[in-house]
Amino acid sequence: MTEQRDVTTRDGTAWTCIEALADMPESAKDKLAGEGRRAVVCTPSGGAHSVRLSLAEDWCRMPEADLTAAIEAGLAQGDG
């Protein structure tokens, strides 16, 4: 089952985040994102670009503020 979270960043953009490759074996996920980490893609409701993140494997339970901060940091890295 694919994990999904919906969050809103400080600028009011609504994001849907899902684990990329959720149906792959754990060994493949570890190889692609790093051991104990998961590749997560967050897609905005509006005109911003999707953000790819590498998060802890329990990312679905992380505080919303931490997830939105990771999205904002990912956006800032993409602007550089």
Protein backbone atom coordinates (compact mmCIF):
# COMPACT_ATOMS: atom_id res chain seq x y z
CA MET A 1 0.00 0.00 0.00
CA THR A 2 1.31 3.42 -0.94
CA GLU A 3 1.66 5.86 1.95
CA GLN A 4 0.34 9.37 1.25
CA ARG A 5 0.24 12.62 3.20
CA ASP A 6 -1.35 15.96 2.42
CA VAL A 7 0.24 19.06 3.93
CA THR A 8 0.17 22.82 3.38
CA THR A 9 3.31 24.96 3.38
CA ARG A 10 3.52 28.44 4.90
CA ASP A 11 2.78 30.08 1.54
CA GLY A 12 -0.59 28.28 1.42
CA THR A 13 0.37 25.69 -1.22
CA ALA A 14 -1.26 22.30 -0.65
CA TRP A 15 1.05 19.34 -1.30
CA THR A 16 0.41 15.62 -1.72
CA CYS A 17 3.41 13.48 -0.78
CA ILE A 18 3.80 9.82 -1.68
CA GLU A 19 6.60 7.34 -1.34
CA ALA A 20 8.18 6.73 -4.71
CA LEU A 21 8.69 3.06 -5.51
CA ALA A 22 6.49 2.03 -2.59
CA ASP A 23 5.80 -1.41 -4.06
CA MET A 24 9.47 -2.27 -4.57
CA PRO A 25 11.45 -4.58 -2.26
CA GLU A 26 13.07 -2.96 0.79
CA SER A 27 16.55 -3.66 -0.60
CA ALA A 28 15.76 -1.65 -3.74
CA LYS A 29 14.39 1.26 -1.68
CA ASP A 30 17.54 1.26 0.47
CA LYS A 31 19.73 1.24 -2.63
CA LEU A 32 17.90 4.18 -4.22
CA ALA A 33 17.32 6.42 -1.18
CA GLY A 34 19.88 5.18 1.34
CA GLU A 35 19.55 2.71 4.19
CA GLY A 36 16.68 3.65 6.47
CA ARG A 37 15.52 6.38 4.09
CA ARG A 38 12.76 6.63 1.52
CA ALA A 39 12.41 8.53 -1.75
CA VAL A 40 9.34 10.74 -1.40
CA VAL A 41 7.78 12.90 -4.12
CA CYS A 42 5.63 15.87 -3.11
CA THR A 43 3.38 17.40 -5.76
CA PRO A 44 1.76 20.82 -5.33
CA SER A 45 -1.84 21.69 -6.05
CA GLY A 46 -0.81 24.80 -7.98
CA GLY A 47 1.94 25.95 -10.31
CA ALA A 48 5.05 25.02 -8.32
CA HIS A 49 7.23 22.07 -9.35
CA SER A 50 7.20 18.68 -7.67
CA VAL A 51 9.91 18.11 -5.10
CA ARG A 52 11.85 14.88 -4.63
CA LEU A 53 13.02 14.26 -1.08
CA SER A 54 15.02 11.65 0.78
CA LEU A 55 13.35 11.22 4.17
CA ALA A 56 13.53 8.82 7.09
CA GLU A 57 11.57 5.62 6.47
CA ASP A 58 8.97 6.69 9.06
CA TRP A 59 8.28 9.93 7.15
CA CYS A 60 4.51 9.35 7.34
CA ARG A 61 4.69 9.85 11.09
CA MET A 62 6.98 12.88 11.10
CA PRO A 63 5.45 16.14 12.38
CA GLU A 64 3.72 18.17 9.68
CA ALA A 65 6.01 21.13 10.40
CA ASP A 66 9.06 18.96 9.67
CA LEU A 67 7.60 17.67 6.43
CA THR A 68 6.68 21.15 5.21
CA ALA A 69 10.17 22.38 6.18
CA ALA A 70 11.68 19.57 4.08
CA ILE A 71 9.50 20.57 1.13
CA GLU A 72 10.51 24.23 1.48
CA ALA A 73 14.19 23.24 1.73
CA GLY A 74 13.81 21.06 -1.37
CA LEU A 75 12.28 23.99 -3.25
CA ALA A 76 15.11 26.28 -2.16
CA GLN A 77 17.71 23.78 -3.40
CA GLY A 78 15.95 23.62 -6.77
CA ASP A 79 16.15 27.40 -7.14
CA GLY A 80 19.95 27.40 -6.97
